[in-house]
Amino acid sequence: MIVKNPNQRVAVLVDVQNLYYSARNLYRARVSFKNLLNLLVADRTLVRAIAYVIKAGEEKEEEFFEALNAAGFEIKEKKLQIFYGGAKKGDWDIGIAMDAIRLGHKVDSIILVSGDGDYMPVVNYLQQALGCLVEIAAFRRTANKELTTMADDFTNIEDHTSSLLFRK
């Protein structure tokens, strides 16, 4: 657990697909990104809040992206890749890692909203090379245990379901 004070500068980087599917599969619910941002920032100074999304051409997608923007997030979009044979790929792992490294010099804490264990090397780099705090927010049941252990702080979204999740 870390001490959070108003002078700390934070950046929040959200792997939207990771969060979306975890909420859907565990709770058949959606995430209130506005409430999530408020919980994570915790009266500190927000430098950047970025939501990384995959554009799949689905109905109501733009509406969702606009809602993310209205909640306080800058949106970074990437098109869903469809390979010969029908395989699909859409992830932001490298993009999020690169932004975390670029922002690590400008903030006191990077808040990574994902439980993906692929982020362990960048978490280690931010902590060891840049001296940056790294906070992880995710659903504990779908988060990589080693990632949550190596983080300076971990917010289990499952502890805040009444304020962070909703059903349509």
N, C-alpha and C. Protein backbone atom coordinates (compact mmCIF):
# COMPACT_ATOMS: atom_id res chain seq x y z
N MET A 1 0.85 -1.19 0.00
CA MET A 1 0.00 0.00 0.00
C MET A 1 0.89 1.24 0.00
N ILE A 2 0.51 2.22 -0.77
CA ILE A 2 1.29 3.45 -0.86
C ILE A 2 0.53 4.60 -0.22
N VAL A 3 1.26 5.63 0.11
CA VAL A 3 0.63 6.86 0.62
C VAL A 3 0.23 7.69 -0.58
N LYS A 4 -1.02 8.13 -0.60
CA LYS A 4 -1.53 8.93 -1.70
C LYS A 4 -1.77 10.34 -1.18
N ASN A 5 -1.14 11.34 -1.83
CA ASN A 5 -1.34 12.71 -1.40
C ASN A 5 -1.64 13.59 -2.61
N PRO A 6 -2.27 14.76 -2.38
CA PRO A 6 -2.70 15.62 -3.49
C PRO A 6 -1.57 16.12 -4.39
N ASN A 7 -0.34 16.08 -3.92
CA ASN A 7 0.78 16.55 -4.73
C ASN A 7 1.29 15.51 -5.72
N GLN A 8 0.85 14.28 -5.59
CA GLN A 8 1.29 13.24 -6.50
C GLN A 8 0.66 13.44 -7.88
N ARG A 9 1.48 13.29 -8.91
CA ARG A 9 1.01 13.36 -10.29
C ARG A 9 0.82 11.93 -10.79
N VAL A 10 -0.35 11.65 -11.34
CA VAL A 10 -0.65 10.29 -11.79
C VAL A 10 -1.11 10.27 -13.25
N ALA A 11 -0.84 9.15 -13.89
CA ALA A 11 -1.36 8.87 -15.22
C ALA A 11 -2.11 7.54 -15.12
N VAL A 12 -3.28 7.49 -15.72
CA VAL A 12 -4.11 6.28 -15.70
C VAL A 12 -4.19 5.74 -17.13
N LEU A 13 -3.75 4.50 -17.30
CA LEU A 13 -3.73 3.85 -18.61
C LEU A 13 -4.64 2.62 -18.54
N VAL A 14 -5.72 2.64 -19.32
CA VAL A 14 -6.73 1.59 -19.22
C VAL A 14 -6.74 0.70 -20.46
N ASP A 15 -6.50 -0.58 -20.25
CA ASP A 15 -6.65 -1.60 -21.27
C ASP A 15 -8.13 -1.96 -21.30
N VAL A 16 -8.90 -1.25 -22.11
CA VAL A 16 -10.36 -1.34 -22.08
C VAL A 16 -10.84 -2.76 -22.36
N GLN A 17 -10.26 -3.45 -23.34
CA GLN A 17 -10.71 -4.79 -23.67
C GLN A 17 -10.52 -5.73 -22.48
N ASN A 18 -9.39 -5.64 -21.80
CA ASN A 18 -9.12 -6.48 -20.64
C ASN A 18 -10.20 -6.27 -19.58
N LEU A 19 -10.51 -5.02 -19.30
CA LEU A 19 -11.50 -4.70 -18.27
C LEU A 19 -12.91 -5.09 -18.72
N TYR A 20 -13.24 -4.80 -19.96
CA TYR A 20 -14.57 -5.08 -20.49
C TYR A 20 -14.90 -6.57 -20.39
N TYR A 21 -13.98 -7.41 -20.87
CA TYR A 21 -14.25 -8.84 -20.87
C TYR A 21 -14.23 -9.44 -19.47
N SER A 22 -13.40 -8.93 -18.59
CA SER A 22 -13.40 -9.42 -17.21
C SER A 22 -14.74 -9.10 -16.53
N ALA A 23 -15.23 -7.88 -16.69
CA ALA A 23 -16.51 -7.48 -16.08
C ALA A 23 -17.66 -8.30 -16.67
N ARG A 24 -17.62 -8.50 -17.98
CA ARG A 24 -18.68 -9.25 -18.64
C ARG A 24 -18.68 -10.71 -18.23
N ASN A 25 -17.50 -11.33 -18.20
CA ASN A 25 -17.42 -12.76 -17.90
C ASN A 25 -17.65 -13.06 -16.42
N LEU A 26 -17.17 -12.21 -15.53
CA LEU A 26 -17.31 -12.47 -14.09
C LEU A 26 -18.66 -12.04 -13.54
N TYR A 27 -19.19 -10.91 -14.03
CA TYR A 27 -20.38 -10.31 -13.42
C TYR A 27 -21.54 -10.06 -14.39
N ARG A 28 -21.31 -10.34 -15.69
CA ARG A 28 -22.30 -9.96 -16.70
C ARG A 28 -22.68 -8.49 -16.54
N ALA A 29 -21.65 -7.67 -16.37
CA ALA A 29 -21.85 -6.25 -16.10
C ALA A 29 -20.87 -5.42 -16.91
N ARG A 30 -21.06 -4.13 -16.83
CA ARG A 30 -20.15 -3.18 -17.49
C ARG A 30 -19.52 -2.30 -16.43
N VAL A 31 -18.42 -1.68 -16.81
CA VAL A 31 -17.65 -0.86 -15.88
C VAL A 31 -18.05 0.61 -16.02
N SER A 32 -18.21 1.29 -14.90
CA SER A 32 -18.39 2.74 -14.90
C SER A 32 -16.99 3.35 -14.91
N PHE A 33 -16.55 3.75 -16.09
CA PHE A 33 -15.20 4.27 -16.22
C PHE A 33 -15.01 5.59 -15.50
N LYS A 34 -16.06 6.38 -15.42
CA LYS A 34 -15.99 7.66 -14.69
C LYS A 34 -15.74 7.39 -13.20
N ASN A 35 -16.49 6.48 -12.62
CA ASN A 35 -16.30 6.14 -11.21
C ASN A 35 -14.94 5.50 -10.97
N LEU A 36 -14.51 4.68 -11.92
CA LEU A 36 -13.19 4.05 -11.81
C LEU A 36 -12.08 5.10 -11.79
N LEU A 37 -12.17 6.06 -12.68
CA LEU A 37 -11.16 7.12 -12.72
C LEU A 37 -11.12 7.89 -11.41
N ASN A 38 -12.28 8.24 -10.88
CA ASN A 38 -12.33 8.96 -9.61
C ASN A 38 -11.73 8.15 -8.47
N LEU A 39 -12.04 6.87 -8.42
CA LEU A 39 -11.50 5.99 -7.38
C LEU A 39 -9.98 5.92 -7.46
N LEU A 40 -9.46 5.74 -8.65
CA LEU A 40 -8.02 5.54 -8.81
C LEU A 40 -7.22 6.81 -8.60
N VAL A 41 -7.73 7.93 -9.07
CA VAL A 41 -6.99 9.19 -8.92
C VAL A 41 -6.95 9.60 -7.44
N ALA A 42 -8.03 9.38 -6.73
CA ALA A 42 -8.09 9.59 -5.27
C ALA A 42 -7.58 10.97 -4.85
N ASP A 43 -8.11 12.02 -5.46
CA ASP A 43 -7.77 13.41 -5.11
C ASP A 43 -6.32 13.79 -5.40
N ARG A 44 -5.64 13.00 -6.23
CA ARG A 44 -4.30 13.37 -6.64
C ARG A 44 -4.38 14.18 -7.93
N THR A 45 -3.26 14.60 -8.46
CA THR A 45 -3.23 15.41 -9.67
C THR A 45 -3.17 14.49 -10.89
N LEU A 46 -4.24 14.52 -11.68
CA LEU A 46 -4.29 13.68 -12.88
C LEU A 46 -3.59 14.40 -14.02
N VAL A 47 -2.56 13.77 -14.55
CA VAL A 47 -1.81 14.32 -15.67
C VAL A 47 -2.41 13.84 -16.99
N ARG A 48 -2.66 12.54 -17.11
CA ARG A 48 -3.28 11.97 -18.31
C ARG A 48 -4.12 10.77 -17.91
N ALA A 49 -5.22 10.58 -18.60
CA ALA A 49 -6.04 9.39 -18.48
C ALA A 49 -6.29 8.93 -19.91
N ILE A 50 -5.80 7.75 -20.23
CA ILE A 50 -5.90 7.25 -21.61
C ILE A 50 -6.61 5.89 -21.59
N ALA A 51 -7.62 5.78 -22.46
CA ALA A 51 -8.33 4.52 -22.65
C ALA A 51 -7.94 3.97 -24.01
N TYR A 52 -7.44 2.75 -24.04
CA TYR A 52 -6.98 2.10 -25.26
C TYR A 52 -8.07 1.15 -25.73
N VAL A 53 -8.62 1.40 -26.91
CA VAL A 53 -9.75 0.62 -27.40
C VAL A 53 -9.43 -0.02 -28.75
N ILE A 54 -10.16 -1.09 -29.02
CA ILE A 54 -10.07 -1.76 -30.31
C ILE A 54 -11.35 -1.43 -31.07
N LYS A 55 -11.17 -0.94 -32.27
CA LYS A 55 -12.30 -0.58 -33.11
C LYS A 55 -12.64 -1.78 -33.99
N ALA A 56 -13.81 -2.39 -33.71
CA ALA A 56 -14.20 -3.61 -34.41
C ALA A 56 -15.37 -3.38 -35.37
N GLY A 57 -15.85 -2.15 -35.45
CA GLY A 57 -16.96 -1.85 -36.35
C GLY A 57 -18.29 -2.34 -35.84
N GLU A 58 -18.42 -2.49 -34.52
CA GLU A 58 -19.66 -2.98 -33.94
C GLU A 58 -20.63 -1.83 -33.68
N GLU A 59 -21.91 -2.19 -33.59
CA GLU A 59 -22.96 -1.22 -33.31
C GLU A 59 -22.72 -0.60 -31.92
N LYS A 60 -22.98 0.67 -31.78
CA LYS A 60 -22.86 1.43 -30.54
C LYS A 60 -21.43 1.63 -30.07
N GLU A 61 -20.46 1.26 -30.89
CA GLU A 61 -19.05 1.42 -30.54
C GLU A 61 -18.69 2.89 -30.34
N GLU A 62 -19.07 3.74 -31.28
CA GLU A 62 -18.76 5.17 -31.19
C GLU A 62 -19.41 5.80 -29.97
N GLU A 63 -20.62 5.35 -29.66
CA GLU A 63 -21.32 5.84 -28.46
C GLU A 63 -20.51 5.51 -27.20
N PHE A 64 -19.98 4.30 -27.15
CA PHE A 64 -19.15 3.88 -26.02
C PHE A 64 -17.88 4.72 -25.93
N PHE A 65 -17.23 4.95 -27.08
CA PHE A 65 -16.01 5.74 -27.10
C PHE A 65 -16.29 7.18 -26.64
N GLU A 66 -17.41 7.73 -27.06
CA GLU A 66 -17.80 9.07 -26.62
C GLU A 66 -18.05 9.12 -25.11
N ALA A 67 -18.64 8.06 -24.57
CA ALA A 67 -18.87 7.98 -23.12
C ALA A 67 -17.55 7.93 -22.37
N LEU A 68 -16.59 7.20 -22.90
CA LEU A 68 -15.25 7.15 -22.29
C LEU A 68 -14.63 8.55 -22.28
N ASN A 69 -14.76 9.24 -23.39
CA ASN A 69 -14.22 10.59 -23.50
C ASN A 69 -14.90 11.52 -22.52
N ALA A 70 -16.22 11.42 -22.39
CA ALA A 70 -16.98 12.26 -21.45
C ALA A 70 -16.61 11.94 -20.00
N ALA A 71 -16.16 10.72 -19.76
CA ALA A 71 -15.75 10.33 -18.40
C ALA A 71 -14.37 10.87 -18.05
N GLY A 72 -13.69 11.48 -19.02
CA GLY A 72 -12.39 12.09 -18.73
C GLY A 72 -11.20 11.42 -19.39
N PHE A 73 -11.46 10.50 -20.31
CA PHE A 73 -10.37 9.76 -20.94
C PHE A 73 -10.07 10.27 -22.34
N GLU A 74 -8.79 10.34 -22.65
CA GLU A 74 -8.33 10.49 -24.02
C GLU A 74 -8.45 9.09 -24.62
N ILE A 75 -8.92 9.00 -25.86
CA ILE A 75 -9.13 7.70 -26.49
C ILE A 75 -8.03 7.43 -27.52
N LYS A 76 -7.44 6.25 -27.44
CA LYS A 76 -6.52 5.79 -28.48
C LYS A 76 -7.16 4.55 -29.10
N GLU A 77 -7.36 4.62 -30.41
CA GLU A 77 -8.04 3.54 -31.12
C GLU A 77 -7.08 2.75 -32.00
N LYS A 78 -7.38 1.48 -32.12
CA LYS A 78 -6.65 0.61 -33.04
C LYS A 78 -7.69 -0.30 -33.68
N LYS A 79 -7.56 -0.52 -34.97
CA LYS A 79 -8.51 -1.40 -35.67
C LYS A 79 -8.23 -2.86 -35.34
N LEU A 80 -9.30 -3.62 -35.25
CA LEU A 80 -9.21 -5.06 -35.05
C LEU A 80 -8.57 -5.67 -36.29
N GLN A 81 -7.56 -6.50 -36.10
CA GLN A 81 -6.91 -7.19 -37.21
C GLN A 81 -7.63 -8.51 -37.45
N ILE A 82 -7.96 -8.77 -38.71
CA ILE A 82 -8.57 -10.05 -39.07
C ILE A 82 -7.64 -10.72 -40.08
N PHE A 83 -7.17 -11.90 -39.71
CA PHE A 83 -6.20 -12.62 -40.52
C PHE A 83 -6.89 -13.62 -41.45
N TYR A 84 -6.13 -14.04 -42.44
CA TYR A 84 -6.62 -15.07 -43.35
C TYR A 84 -7.02 -16.28 -42.52
N GLY A 85 -8.19 -16.80 -42.76
CA GLY A 85 -8.67 -17.93 -41.98
C GLY A 85 -9.62 -17.51 -40.87
N GLY A 86 -9.74 -16.19 -40.66
CA GLY A 86 -10.71 -15.70 -39.69
C GLY A 86 -10.19 -15.38 -38.30
N ALA A 87 -8.94 -15.69 -38.01
CA ALA A 87 -8.38 -15.37 -36.69
C ALA A 87 -8.38 -13.86 -36.50
N LYS A 88 -8.65 -13.42 -35.27
CA LYS A 88 -8.72 -11.99 -34.97
C LYS A 88 -7.73 -11.65 -33.87
N LYS A 89 -7.20 -10.45 -33.97
CA LYS A 89 -6.27 -9.98 -32.94
C LYS A 89 -6.50 -8.49 -32.71
N GLY A 90 -6.53 -8.12 -31.46
CA GLY A 90 -6.68 -6.72 -31.11
C GLY A 90 -6.17 -6.48 -29.71
N ASP A 91 -4.96 -6.00 -29.60
CA ASP A 91 -4.44 -5.68 -28.27
C ASP A 91 -3.54 -4.46 -28.35
N TRP A 92 -3.37 -3.85 -27.21
CA TRP A 92 -2.60 -2.62 -27.09
C TRP A 92 -1.37 -2.79 -26.21
N ASP A 93 -0.95 -4.02 -25.94
CA ASP A 93 0.12 -4.25 -24.97
C ASP A 93 1.36 -3.38 -25.21
N ILE A 94 1.88 -3.38 -26.42
CA ILE A 94 3.10 -2.61 -26.71
C ILE A 94 2.81 -1.12 -26.64
N GLY A 95 1.68 -0.68 -27.16
CA GLY A 95 1.33 0.74 -27.12
C GLY A 95 1.19 1.27 -25.71
N ILE A 96 0.54 0.49 -24.85
CA ILE A 96 0.38 0.89 -23.45
C ILE A 96 1.75 0.92 -22.76
N ALA A 97 2.56 -0.10 -23.02
CA ALA A 97 3.90 -0.15 -22.41
C ALA A 97 4.73 1.06 -22.83
N MET A 98 4.69 1.41 -24.11
CA MET A 98 5.47 2.56 -24.59
C MET A 98 4.97 3.86 -23.98
N ASP A 99 3.67 4.05 -23.90
CA ASP A 99 3.13 5.25 -23.27
C ASP A 99 3.50 5.31 -21.79
N ALA A 100 3.48 4.17 -21.11
CA ALA A 100 3.86 4.12 -19.70
C ALA A 100 5.30 4.58 -19.52
N ILE A 101 6.18 4.12 -20.40
CA ILE A 101 7.59 4.51 -20.32
C ILE A 101 7.75 6.00 -20.61
N ARG A 102 7.06 6.50 -21.64
CA ARG A 102 7.14 7.93 -21.96
C ARG A 102 6.60 8.80 -20.84
N LEU A 103 5.51 8.37 -20.21
CA LEU A 103 4.90 9.16 -19.14
C LEU A 103 5.59 8.98 -17.79
N GLY A 104 6.32 7.89 -17.62
CA GLY A 104 6.99 7.60 -16.36
C GLY A 104 7.93 8.70 -15.89
N HIS A 105 8.45 9.49 -16.82
CA HIS A 105 9.33 10.60 -16.49
C HIS A 105 8.55 11.82 -15.99
N LYS A 106 7.26 11.86 -16.26
CA LYS A 106 6.46 13.06 -16.00
C LYS A 106 5.51 12.93 -14.82
N VAL A 107 5.40 11.74 -14.26
CA VAL A 107 4.46 11.50 -13.17
C VAL A 107 5.15 10.78 -12.01
N ASP A 108 4.47 10.77 -10.89
CA ASP A 108 4.97 10.04 -9.73
C ASP A 108 4.47 8.59 -9.73
N SER A 109 3.29 8.38 -10.33
CA SER A 109 2.70 7.05 -10.33
C SER A 109 1.97 6.78 -11.64
N ILE A 110 2.22 5.62 -12.20
CA ILE A 110 1.46 5.12 -13.35
C ILE A 110 0.43 4.15 -12.80
N ILE A 111 -0.82 4.38 -13.14
CA ILE A 111 -1.89 3.46 -12.73
C ILE A 111 -2.29 2.68 -13.98
N LEU A 112 -1.93 1.42 -13.98
CA LEU A 112 -2.21 0.54 -15.11
C LEU A 112 -3.46 -0.28 -14.80
N VAL A 113 -4.48 -0.10 -15.60
CA VAL A 113 -5.75 -0.80 -15.38
C VAL A 113 -5.79 -2.00 -16.31
N SER A 114 -5.24 -3.09 -15.82
CA SER A 114 -5.19 -4.36 -16.54
C SER A 114 -4.56 -5.39 -15.61
N GLY A 115 -4.99 -6.62 -15.77
CA GLY A 115 -4.39 -7.69 -15.00
C GLY A 115 -3.48 -8.56 -15.84
N ASP A 116 -3.14 -8.09 -17.03
CA ASP A 116 -2.36 -8.86 -17.99
C ASP A 116 -0.90 -8.99 -17.54
N GLY A 117 -0.44 -10.21 -17.36
CA GLY A 117 0.93 -10.47 -16.93
C GLY A 117 1.98 -10.02 -17.92
N ASP A 118 1.58 -9.76 -19.17
CA ASP A 118 2.53 -9.27 -20.17
C ASP A 118 3.13 -7.93 -19.77
N TYR A 119 2.50 -7.22 -18.84
CA TYR A 119 3.00 -5.91 -18.43
C TYR A 119 4.09 -5.98 -17.36
N MET A 120 4.44 -7.16 -16.88
CA MET A 120 5.44 -7.28 -15.82
C MET A 120 6.78 -6.64 -16.17
N PRO A 121 7.33 -6.84 -17.38
CA PRO A 121 8.62 -6.20 -17.68
C PRO A 121 8.55 -4.67 -17.64
N VAL A 122 7.46 -4.07 -18.12
CA VAL A 122 7.36 -2.61 -18.10
C VAL A 122 7.16 -2.10 -16.67
N VAL A 123 6.43 -2.84 -15.86
CA VAL A 123 6.26 -2.46 -14.45
C VAL A 123 7.63 -2.45 -13.77
N ASN A 124 8.40 -3.50 -13.99
CA ASN A 124 9.74 -3.58 -13.42
C ASN A 124 10.61 -2.41 -13.88
N TYR A 125 10.56 -2.10 -15.18
CA TYR A 125 11.36 -0.99 -15.72
C TYR A 125 10.96 0.35 -15.09
N LEU A 126 9.66 0.60 -15.01
CA LEU A 126 9.19 1.87 -14.42
C LEU A 126 9.66 2.01 -12.97
N GLN A 127 9.59 0.93 -12.23
CA GLN A 127 10.00 0.97 -10.82
C GLN A 127 11.51 1.09 -10.66
N GLN A 128 12.25 0.27 -11.37
CA GLN A 128 13.69 0.19 -11.16
C GLN A 128 14.47 1.29 -11.88
N ALA A 129 14.15 1.54 -13.14
CA ALA A 129 14.92 2.51 -13.93
C ALA A 129 14.44 3.94 -13.75
N LEU A 130 13.13 4.12 -13.59
CA LEU A 130 12.60 5.48 -13.50
C LEU A 130 12.22 5.89 -12.09
N GLY A 131 12.16 4.94 -11.17
CA GLY A 131 11.77 5.26 -9.80
C GLY A 131 10.31 5.66 -9.68
N CYS A 132 9.52 5.21 -10.61
CA CYS A 132 8.10 5.54 -10.67
C CYS A 132 7.30 4.49 -9.90
N LEU A 133 6.30 4.93 -9.16
CA LEU A 133 5.38 3.99 -8.54
C LEU A 133 4.49 3.41 -9.63
N VAL A 134 4.10 2.16 -9.47
CA VAL A 134 3.18 1.54 -10.41
C VAL A 134 2.04 0.90 -9.61
N GLU A 135 0.85 1.35 -9.93
CA GLU A 135 -0.35 0.81 -9.31
C GLU A 135 -1.09 0.00 -10.36
N ILE A 136 -1.63 -1.12 -9.94
CA ILE A 136 -2.41 -1.97 -10.82
C ILE A 136 -3.85 -1.97 -10.32
N ALA A 137 -4.79 -1.85 -11.24
CA ALA A 137 -6.20 -2.01 -10.92
C ALA A 137 -6.76 -3.06 -11.85
N ALA A 138 -7.42 -4.06 -11.29
CA ALA A 138 -7.95 -5.16 -12.09
C ALA A 138 -8.89 -5.99 -11.23
N PHE A 139 -9.53 -6.94 -11.88
CA PHE A 139 -10.32 -7.93 -11.16
C PHE A 139 -9.35 -8.99 -10.68
N ARG A 140 -9.28 -9.21 -9.38
CA ARG A 140 -8.28 -10.14 -8.83
C ARG A 140 -8.38 -11.53 -9.48
N ARG A 141 -9.60 -11.99 -9.72
CA ARG A 141 -9.78 -13.35 -10.26
C ARG A 141 -9.24 -13.52 -11.67
N THR A 142 -9.11 -12.43 -12.42
CA THR A 142 -8.59 -12.54 -13.78
C THR A 142 -7.21 -11.89 -13.92
N ALA A 143 -6.67 -11.40 -12.82
CA ALA A 143 -5.36 -10.72 -12.86
C ALA A 143 -4.23 -11.71 -12.61
N ASN A 144 -3.12 -11.47 -13.27
CA ASN A 144 -1.91 -12.26 -13.06
C ASN A 144 -1.39 -11.99 -11.64
N LYS A 145 -1.24 -13.04 -10.85
CA LYS A 145 -0.84 -12.89 -9.45
C LYS A 145 0.52 -12.22 -9.30
N GLU A 146 1.47 -12.59 -10.14
CA GLU A 146 2.81 -11.99 -10.05
C GLU A 146 2.76 -10.48 -10.35
N LEU A 147 1.92 -10.10 -11.29
CA LEU A 147 1.77 -8.67 -11.62
C LEU A 147 1.22 -7.92 -10.42
N THR A 148 0.19 -8.44 -9.78
CA THR A 148 -0.40 -7.74 -8.64
C THR A 148 0.56 -7.69 -7.45
N THR A 149 1.40 -8.70 -7.33
CA THR A 149 2.38 -8.74 -6.23
C THR A 149 3.51 -7.75 -6.45
N MET A 150 3.96 -7.60 -7.68
CA MET A 150 5.09 -6.70 -7.94
C MET A 150 4.69 -5.23 -7.95
N ALA A 151 3.40 -4.95 -8.09
CA ALA A 151 2.92 -3.56 -8.11
C ALA A 151 3.13 -2.91 -6.74
N ASP A 152 3.30 -1.60 -6.75
CA ASP A 152 3.42 -0.85 -5.48
C ASP A 152 2.09 -0.79 -4.76
N ASP A 153 1.00 -0.88 -5.51
CA ASP A 153 -0.34 -0.89 -4.92
C ASP A 153 -1.26 -1.64 -5.88
N PHE A 154 -2.25 -2.33 -5.34
CA PHE A 154 -3.21 -3.06 -6.15
C PHE A 154 -4.61 -2.71 -5.71
N THR A 155 -5.44 -2.29 -6.67
CA THR A 155 -6.85 -2.04 -6.41
C THR A 155 -7.64 -3.17 -7.04
N ASN A 156 -8.31 -3.93 -6.18
CA ASN A 156 -9.15 -5.03 -6.65
C ASN A 156 -10.53 -4.46 -6.98
N ILE A 157 -10.86 -4.42 -8.25
CA ILE A 157 -12.14 -3.87 -8.68
C ILE A 157 -13.29 -4.64 -8.05
N GLU A 158 -13.07 -5.91 -7.74
CA GLU A 158 -14.11 -6.73 -7.12
C GLU A 158 -14.50 -6.23 -5.73
N ASP A 159 -13.65 -5.43 -5.11
CA ASP A 159 -13.98 -4.84 -3.80
C ASP A 159 -14.88 -3.61 -3.94
N HIS A 160 -15.13 -3.17 -5.17
CA HIS A 160 -15.89 -1.94 -5.42
C HIS A 160 -17.00 -2.16 -6.44
N THR A 161 -17.57 -3.35 -6.47
CA THR A 161 -18.55 -3.67 -7.51
C THR A 161 -19.78 -2.76 -7.46
N SER A 162 -20.21 -2.36 -6.26
CA SER A 162 -21.43 -1.55 -6.18
C SER A 162 -21.26 -0.17 -6.82
N SER A 163 -20.05 0.37 -6.80
CA SER A 163 -19.83 1.69 -7.40
C SER A 163 -19.21 1.64 -8.80
N LEU A 164 -18.61 0.52 -9.16
CA LEU A 164 -17.88 0.44 -10.43
C LEU A 164 -18.56 -0.39 -11.51
N LEU A 165 -19.52 -1.22 -11.14
CA LEU A 165 -20.16 -2.07 -12.13
C LEU A 165 -21.65 -1.76 -12.23
N PHE A 166 -22.18 -1.92 -13.44
CA PHE A 166 -23.62 -1.76 -13.66
C PHE A 166 -24.08 -2.74 -14.73
N ARG A 167 -25.35 -3.06 -14.66
CA ARG A 167 -25.95 -3.94 -15.66
C ARG A 167 -26.95 -3.15 -16.48
N LYS A 168 -27.01 -3.46 -17.76
CA LYS A 168 -27.98 -2.78 -18.63
C LYS A 168 -29.19 -3.64 -18.82
